[in-house]
N, C-alpha and C. Protein backbone atom coordinates (compact mmCIF):
# COMPACT_ATOMS: atom_id res chain seq x y z
N MET A 1 -6.60 12.30 -35.03
CA MET A 1 -7.21 11.83 -33.65
C MET A 1 -8.50 12.04 -33.41
N SER A 2 -9.04 10.66 -33.12
CA SER A 2 -10.53 10.82 -32.60
C SER A 2 -10.89 11.61 -31.50
N ASP A 3 -11.99 11.85 -31.54
CA ASP A 3 -12.95 12.79 -30.60
C ASP A 3 -12.42 12.15 -29.13
N LEU A 4 -12.92 10.69 -29.06
CA LEU A 4 -12.78 9.79 -28.02
C LEU A 4 -11.00 9.86 -27.40
N HIS A 5 -10.53 9.73 -28.13
CA HIS A 5 -9.15 9.78 -28.00
C HIS A 5 -8.57 11.17 -27.35
N ALA A 6 -8.78 11.96 -28.06
CA ALA A 6 -8.56 13.39 -27.47
C ALA A 6 -9.21 13.68 -26.29
N ASN A 7 -10.68 13.24 -25.96
CA ASN A 7 -11.06 13.42 -24.58
C ASN A 7 -10.40 12.54 -23.43
N ARG A 8 -9.85 11.44 -23.89
CA ARG A 8 -9.13 10.59 -23.01
C ARG A 8 -8.18 11.52 -22.49
N ASN A 9 -7.39 11.78 -23.43
CA ASN A 9 -5.79 12.62 -23.23
C ASN A 9 -6.24 13.87 -22.36
N LEU A 10 -7.51 14.73 -22.73
CA LEU A 10 -7.62 15.90 -21.86
C LEU A 10 -7.90 15.40 -20.52
N ILE A 11 -8.72 14.46 -20.45
CA ILE A 11 -9.14 14.27 -18.79
C ILE A 11 -7.51 13.77 -18.12
N LEU A 12 -6.70 13.11 -18.83
CA LEU A 12 -5.46 13.00 -18.15
C LEU A 12 -4.25 14.36 -17.91
N ILE A 13 -4.59 15.09 -18.85
CA ILE A 13 -3.86 16.26 -18.87
C ILE A 13 -4.46 17.02 -17.96
N LEU A 14 -5.68 17.11 -17.72
CA LEU A 14 -6.30 18.37 -17.02
C LEU A 14 -6.11 17.70 -15.20
N ALA A 15 -6.08 16.60 -15.20
CA ALA A 15 -6.24 16.01 -13.77
C ALA A 15 -4.39 16.14 -13.21
N ARG A 16 -3.48 16.08 -14.17
CA ARG A 16 -2.30 16.01 -14.08
C ARG A 16 -1.85 17.81 -13.66
N GLN A 17 -2.78 18.82 -14.46
CA GLN A 17 -2.29 19.94 -14.01
C GLN A 17 -3.01 20.42 -12.64
N PHE A 18 -4.30 19.89 -12.43
CA PHE A 18 -4.90 20.09 -11.19
C PHE A 18 -3.72 19.44 -10.09
N ALA A 19 -3.56 18.38 -9.98
CA ALA A 19 -2.39 17.68 -9.19
C ALA A 19 -1.13 18.50 -8.90
N ALA A 20 -0.69 19.04 -9.98
CA ALA A 20 0.74 19.81 -9.81
C ALA A 20 0.53 21.03 -8.85
N GLN A 21 -0.87 21.61 -8.76
CA GLN A 21 -1.19 22.73 -8.03
C GLN A 21 -1.75 22.53 -6.60
N LEU A 22 -1.37 21.22 -6.28
CA LEU A 22 -1.88 21.00 -4.68
C LEU A 22 -0.69 20.81 -3.87
N ALA A 23 -1.27 21.07 -2.30
CA ALA A 23 -0.27 20.83 -1.80
C ALA A 23 -0.54 19.64 -1.01
N THR A 24 -1.54 19.07 -1.34
CA THR A 24 -1.87 17.49 -1.07
C THR A 24 -1.27 16.49 -1.81
N ALA A 25 -0.84 15.44 -1.48
CA ALA A 25 -0.27 14.54 -2.29
C ALA A 25 -1.15 13.76 -3.17
N VAL A 26 -0.77 13.53 -4.39
CA VAL A 26 -1.55 13.02 -5.67
C VAL A 26 -0.88 12.36 -6.44
N PHE A 27 -1.23 10.98 -6.51
CA PHE A 27 -0.79 9.92 -7.47
C PHE A 27 -1.65 9.73 -8.65
N LEU A 28 -1.35 9.91 -9.88
CA LEU A 28 -2.16 9.67 -10.99
C LEU A 28 -1.62 8.63 -12.01
N VAL A 29 -2.62 7.53 -12.20
CA VAL A 29 -2.19 6.48 -13.00
C VAL A 29 -3.17 6.49 -14.39
N ASP A 30 -2.79 5.84 -15.53
CA ASP A 30 -3.75 5.52 -16.62
C ASP A 30 -4.52 4.27 -16.19
N ALA A 31 -5.39 4.00 -17.29
CA ALA A 31 -6.33 2.75 -16.99
C ALA A 31 -5.45 1.54 -17.02
N ASP A 32 -4.34 1.33 -17.14
CA ASP A 32 -3.70 0.20 -17.04
C ASP A 32 -2.75 0.26 -15.49
N GLY A 33 -2.99 1.48 -15.02
CA GLY A 33 -2.45 1.32 -13.95
C GLY A 33 -0.92 2.06 -13.74
N SER A 34 -0.54 2.18 -15.02
CA SER A 34 0.97 2.99 -14.97
C SER A 34 0.96 4.30 -14.65
N VAL A 35 2.13 4.81 -14.03
CA VAL A 35 2.07 6.12 -13.44
C VAL A 35 2.22 7.16 -14.50
N ILE A 36 1.31 7.95 -14.37
CA ILE A 36 1.11 9.47 -15.33
C ILE A 36 2.22 10.55 -14.38
N TYR A 37 1.97 10.59 -13.31
CA TYR A 37 2.27 11.76 -12.64
C TYR A 37 2.23 11.48 -11.24
N TYR A 38 2.92 12.05 -10.24
CA TYR A 38 2.80 12.37 -9.05
C TYR A 38 3.43 13.54 -8.53
N ASN A 39 2.65 14.48 -7.55
CA ASN A 39 3.42 15.99 -7.50
C ASN A 39 4.07 15.75 -6.31
N GLU A 40 4.81 17.19 -6.19
CA GLU A 40 5.84 17.39 -5.12
C GLU A 40 5.55 16.59 -3.67
N ALA A 41 4.44 16.94 -3.34
CA ALA A 41 4.08 16.71 -1.95
C ALA A 41 3.93 14.95 -1.93
N ALA A 42 3.75 14.34 -3.15
CA ALA A 42 3.69 12.99 -3.44
C ALA A 42 5.21 12.53 -3.46
N GLU A 43 6.12 13.53 -3.83
CA GLU A 43 7.41 13.07 -3.77
C GLU A 43 7.98 12.81 -2.42
N ARG A 44 7.71 13.69 -1.78
CA ARG A 44 8.18 13.43 -0.36
C ARG A 44 7.92 12.09 0.38
N LEU A 45 6.38 11.91 0.46
CA LEU A 45 6.43 10.16 0.72
C LEU A 45 6.31 9.33 0.29
N LEU A 46 6.79 9.42 -1.13
CA LEU A 46 7.32 7.98 -2.04
C LEU A 46 8.77 8.06 -2.02
N GLY A 47 9.51 8.94 -1.24
CA GLY A 47 11.01 8.81 -1.29
C GLY A 47 11.61 8.96 -2.94
N ARG A 48 10.93 9.72 -3.82
CA ARG A 48 11.67 9.88 -5.08
C ARG A 48 10.80 10.72 -5.91
N ARG A 49 11.65 11.60 -6.38
CA ARG A 49 11.08 12.79 -7.24
C ARG A 49 10.63 12.05 -8.73
N PHE A 50 9.41 12.97 -9.23
CA PHE A 50 8.88 12.24 -10.40
C PHE A 50 9.85 12.15 -11.53
N VAL A 51 10.24 12.92 -11.78
CA VAL A 51 11.62 13.02 -12.57
C VAL A 51 12.59 11.94 -12.72
N GLU A 52 12.71 11.31 -11.40
CA GLU A 52 13.98 10.47 -11.15
C GLU A 52 13.33 9.05 -11.42
N GLY A 53 12.13 8.88 -11.77
CA GLY A 53 11.69 7.55 -11.81
C GLY A 53 9.97 7.22 -12.24
N GLY A 54 9.33 8.56 -12.63
CA GLY A 54 7.86 8.32 -12.32
C GLY A 54 7.42 7.75 -13.37
N ASP A 55 7.70 7.41 -14.70
CA ASP A 55 7.26 6.41 -15.48
C ASP A 55 7.55 4.93 -15.06
N MET A 56 6.53 4.35 -14.14
CA MET A 56 6.48 3.14 -13.87
C MET A 56 5.23 2.47 -14.26
N THR A 57 5.29 1.14 -14.64
CA THR A 57 4.15 0.45 -14.79
C THR A 57 3.62 0.34 -13.29
N ALA A 58 2.06 -0.26 -13.59
CA ALA A 58 1.50 -0.76 -12.31
C ALA A 58 2.58 -1.99 -11.45
N ASP A 59 3.07 -2.89 -12.10
CA ASP A 59 3.83 -3.89 -11.44
C ASP A 59 5.29 -3.13 -10.64
N GLU A 60 5.73 -2.31 -11.35
CA GLU A 60 6.99 -1.46 -10.92
C GLU A 60 6.62 -0.77 -9.63
N TRP A 61 5.75 -0.20 -9.71
CA TRP A 61 5.27 0.89 -8.78
C TRP A 61 5.00 -0.11 -7.27
N PHE A 62 4.05 -1.27 -7.72
CA PHE A 62 3.76 -2.10 -6.96
C PHE A 62 4.87 -2.78 -5.96
N THR A 63 5.73 -3.07 -6.49
CA THR A 63 6.81 -3.78 -6.42
C THR A 63 7.80 -2.67 -5.35
N THR A 64 7.96 -1.28 -6.12
CA THR A 64 8.84 -0.48 -5.36
C THR A 64 8.09 -0.07 -4.11
N PHE A 65 6.75 0.07 -3.91
CA PHE A 65 6.25 0.59 -2.76
C PHE A 65 5.71 -0.46 -1.73
N ARG A 66 5.61 -1.68 -2.40
CA ARG A 66 5.41 -2.57 -1.42
C ARG A 66 4.14 -2.49 -0.32
N PRO A 67 3.09 -1.99 -0.70
CA PRO A 67 1.94 -1.64 0.09
C PRO A 67 1.38 -2.89 0.97
N ARG A 68 1.45 -2.52 2.11
CA ARG A 68 0.85 -3.52 3.27
C ARG A 68 -0.32 -3.13 3.88
N ARG A 69 -0.99 -4.15 4.75
CA ARG A 69 -1.84 -3.92 5.91
C ARG A 69 -1.20 -3.63 6.94
N ASP A 70 -1.78 -2.84 7.95
CA ASP A 70 -1.32 -2.66 9.31
C ASP A 70 -0.58 -3.90 10.13
N SER A 71 -1.12 -5.28 9.61
CA SER A 71 -0.64 -6.48 10.29
C SER A 71 0.65 -6.77 9.46
N GLY A 72 1.00 -5.96 8.46
CA GLY A 72 2.24 -6.42 7.95
C GLY A 72 2.17 -7.52 6.65
N GLU A 73 1.04 -7.51 6.48
CA GLU A 73 0.59 -8.82 5.01
C GLU A 73 0.33 -7.64 3.97
N HIS A 74 0.89 -8.21 2.91
CA HIS A 74 0.84 -7.62 1.78
C HIS A 74 -0.46 -7.21 1.12
N MET A 75 -0.78 -6.06 0.59
CA MET A 75 -1.94 -6.09 -0.12
C MET A 75 -2.16 -6.47 -1.70
N PRO A 76 -3.07 -7.09 -2.00
CA PRO A 76 -2.88 -7.17 -3.42
C PRO A 76 -3.57 -6.08 -4.16
N MET A 77 -2.78 -5.97 -5.27
CA MET A 77 -3.23 -4.49 -6.16
C MET A 77 -4.56 -4.39 -6.21
N GLU A 78 -5.43 -5.54 -6.58
CA GLU A 78 -6.98 -4.77 -6.47
C GLU A 78 -7.43 -4.74 -4.97
N GLN A 79 -6.88 -5.00 -4.00
CA GLN A 79 -7.59 -4.23 -2.79
C GLN A 79 -6.88 -3.15 -2.61
N LEU A 80 -6.23 -2.23 -3.11
CA LEU A 80 -5.68 -0.89 -2.99
C LEU A 80 -6.65 -0.18 -3.23
N PRO A 81 -6.69 0.99 -2.78
CA PRO A 81 -7.75 1.80 -3.06
C PRO A 81 -7.78 2.30 -4.61
N ILE A 82 -6.64 2.47 -5.08
CA ILE A 82 -6.23 2.83 -6.55
C ILE A 82 -6.42 1.46 -7.45
N GLY A 83 -5.98 0.28 -6.94
CA GLY A 83 -6.70 -0.79 -7.84
C GLY A 83 -8.31 -0.94 -7.93
N VAL A 84 -8.89 -0.69 -6.57
CA VAL A 84 -10.50 -0.79 -6.39
C VAL A 84 -10.86 0.31 -7.62
N ALA A 85 -10.37 1.67 -7.67
CA ALA A 85 -10.81 2.45 -8.62
C ALA A 85 -10.76 2.03 -9.90
N ILE A 86 -9.78 1.07 -10.15
CA ILE A 86 -9.52 0.85 -11.72
C ILE A 86 -10.20 -0.41 -12.10
N VAL A 87 -10.21 -1.22 -11.15
CA VAL A 87 -10.71 -2.62 -11.31
C VAL A 87 -12.16 -2.44 -11.36
N LYS A 88 -12.80 -2.34 -10.33
CA LYS A 88 -14.08 -2.07 -9.93
C LYS A 88 -14.74 -0.58 -10.57
N ARG A 89 -13.80 0.16 -10.70
CA ARG A 89 -14.15 1.37 -10.98
C ARG A 89 -15.11 2.43 -10.17
N GLU A 90 -14.54 1.94 -9.06
CA GLU A 90 -15.47 3.05 -7.82
C GLU A 90 -14.60 3.47 -6.82
N PRO A 91 -14.97 4.49 -6.13
CA PRO A 91 -13.88 4.95 -5.19
C PRO A 91 -13.57 4.03 -4.09
N ALA A 92 -12.60 4.61 -3.67
CA ALA A 92 -11.79 3.41 -2.39
C ALA A 92 -11.16 4.31 -1.58
N HIS A 93 -11.22 3.72 -0.25
CA HIS A 93 -10.45 4.21 0.74
C HIS A 93 -9.51 3.41 1.81
N ALA A 94 -8.56 3.40 2.00
CA ALA A 94 -7.99 2.41 2.97
C ALA A 94 -6.75 3.25 3.70
N ALA A 95 -6.34 2.56 4.94
CA ALA A 95 -5.01 2.91 5.70
C ALA A 95 -3.99 1.63 4.98
N VAL A 96 -2.84 2.25 4.56
CA VAL A 96 -1.77 1.48 3.83
C VAL A 96 -0.26 2.13 4.05
N THR A 97 0.50 0.89 4.48
CA THR A 97 1.67 1.13 4.70
C THR A 97 2.47 0.96 3.66
N ILE A 98 3.48 1.92 3.16
CA ILE A 98 4.16 1.77 1.96
C ILE A 98 5.79 1.83 2.54
N ARG A 99 6.43 1.40 1.58
CA ARG A 99 8.06 1.79 1.79
C ARG A 99 8.41 2.46 0.54
N GLY A 100 8.91 3.81 0.99
CA GLY A 100 9.15 4.54 -0.29
C GLY A 100 10.58 4.19 -0.80
N ALA A 101 10.50 5.02 -1.91
CA ALA A 101 12.04 4.56 -2.76
C ALA A 101 13.40 4.85 -1.83
N ASP A 102 13.22 5.84 -0.87
CA ASP A 102 14.32 6.04 0.10
C ASP A 102 14.54 5.09 1.15
N GLY A 103 13.31 3.93 1.36
CA GLY A 103 13.51 2.69 2.37
C GLY A 103 12.82 2.99 3.38
N ILE A 104 12.19 4.00 3.67
CA ILE A 104 11.16 4.72 4.75
C ILE A 104 9.88 3.96 4.88
N ASP A 105 9.58 3.28 5.60
CA ASP A 105 8.10 2.97 5.47
C ASP A 105 7.41 4.12 6.30
N ARG A 106 6.12 4.17 5.65
CA ARG A 106 5.08 5.15 5.92
C ARG A 106 3.90 4.62 6.03
N ARG A 107 2.97 4.90 7.03
CA ARG A 107 1.59 4.61 7.05
C ARG A 107 0.72 5.98 6.54
N ILE A 108 -0.01 5.53 5.50
CA ILE A 108 -0.67 6.49 4.90
C ILE A 108 -1.94 6.35 4.81
N GLU A 109 -3.02 7.25 4.35
CA GLU A 109 -4.49 7.28 4.24
C GLU A 109 -4.50 7.43 2.77
N ALA A 110 -5.34 6.72 1.92
CA ALA A 110 -5.33 7.09 0.56
C ALA A 110 -6.71 6.64 0.20
N THR A 111 -7.29 7.85 -0.67
CA THR A 111 -8.54 7.81 -1.03
C THR A 111 -8.25 8.06 -2.72
N SER A 112 -8.97 6.77 -3.35
CA SER A 112 -8.54 6.90 -5.12
C SER A 112 -10.18 7.26 -5.65
N PHE A 113 -10.09 7.75 -6.66
CA PHE A 113 -11.45 7.82 -7.68
C PHE A 113 -11.08 7.61 -8.91
N PRO A 114 -12.13 6.77 -9.49
CA PRO A 114 -11.57 6.56 -11.30
C PRO A 114 -11.83 7.67 -11.92
N LEU A 115 -11.13 7.67 -13.05
CA LEU A 115 -11.51 9.06 -13.94
C LEU A 115 -12.09 8.32 -15.33
N PHE A 116 -13.19 9.07 -15.60
CA PHE A 116 -13.73 8.63 -17.03
C PHE A 116 -13.73 9.57 -17.94
N ALA A 117 -13.61 9.68 -19.16
CA ALA A 117 -13.91 10.12 -20.21
C ALA A 117 -15.58 10.53 -20.61
N HIS A 118 -16.10 9.25 -20.36
CA HIS A 118 -17.59 9.19 -20.80
C HIS A 118 -17.95 8.20 -19.72
N THR A 119 -19.24 7.96 -19.64
CA THR A 119 -19.67 6.92 -18.46
C THR A 119 -19.23 5.96 -18.52
N ASP A 120 -18.74 4.94 -19.52
CA ASP A 120 -17.99 3.58 -19.26
C ASP A 120 -17.03 3.78 -20.19
N ASP A 121 -16.02 5.00 -20.17
CA ASP A 121 -14.81 5.13 -20.79
C ASP A 121 -13.83 5.22 -19.63
N LEU A 122 -13.25 4.44 -18.78
CA LEU A 122 -12.15 4.60 -17.79
C LEU A 122 -10.85 5.05 -18.50
N VAL A 123 -10.21 6.24 -17.93
CA VAL A 123 -8.99 6.65 -18.41
C VAL A 123 -7.66 6.50 -17.32
N GLY A 124 -8.18 6.26 -16.13
CA GLY A 124 -7.34 6.03 -15.15
C GLY A 124 -7.68 6.43 -13.82
N ALA A 125 -7.15 6.76 -12.84
CA ALA A 125 -7.56 7.24 -11.48
C ALA A 125 -6.38 7.91 -10.89
N ILE A 126 -7.29 8.52 -10.04
CA ILE A 126 -6.43 9.86 -9.16
C ILE A 126 -6.29 9.25 -7.57
N THR A 127 -5.40 9.30 -6.96
CA THR A 127 -5.24 9.24 -5.68
C THR A 127 -4.95 10.07 -4.70
N PHE A 128 -5.49 10.67 -3.88
CA PHE A 128 -4.92 11.64 -2.81
C PHE A 128 -4.42 10.78 -1.46
N PHE A 129 -3.52 11.46 -1.09
CA PHE A 129 -2.81 10.52 0.25
C PHE A 129 -2.23 11.14 0.94
N TRP A 130 -2.22 10.92 2.36
CA TRP A 130 -1.35 11.53 3.35
C TRP A 130 -0.71 10.81 4.46
N GLU A 131 0.29 11.20 5.34
CA GLU A 131 0.94 10.35 6.00
C GLU A 131 0.30 10.51 7.26
N GLN A 132 -0.05 9.31 8.16
CA GLN A 132 -0.65 9.19 9.25
C GLN A 132 0.50 9.43 10.42
N PRO A 133 0.09 10.19 11.62
CA PRO A 133 1.35 10.31 12.48
C PRO A 133 1.27 9.14 13.11
N THR A 134 2.63 8.85 13.53
CA THR A 134 3.16 7.59 14.20
C THR A 134 2.78 7.43 15.79
């Protein structure tokens, strides 16, 4: 295994371990937007345990959680904080309404950051999010 590949994996492994220890909801994806992990706090907001269907492509989770603006208009993937982190490779924040796998709509605030192994080597993105009171 090359050092570059090992560094990429190490960044994602460490991010997953970090997320597992937090009480704040965390969603972790690879550079393609496929889910690598989400923690217990995120499970409550997403309406599904990670072990019950956490391995989702970007299209699958986007379809499952149907992110929308406050107006009800669907948000394109590239405008979601996690999409901005992957596509533009910069941090982003937004309020979004999602529909959990349990069928419940939740308004959340989400902040996403790109994850790099080296300066130009994007390995994924991490999102911290919380539910807004209604």
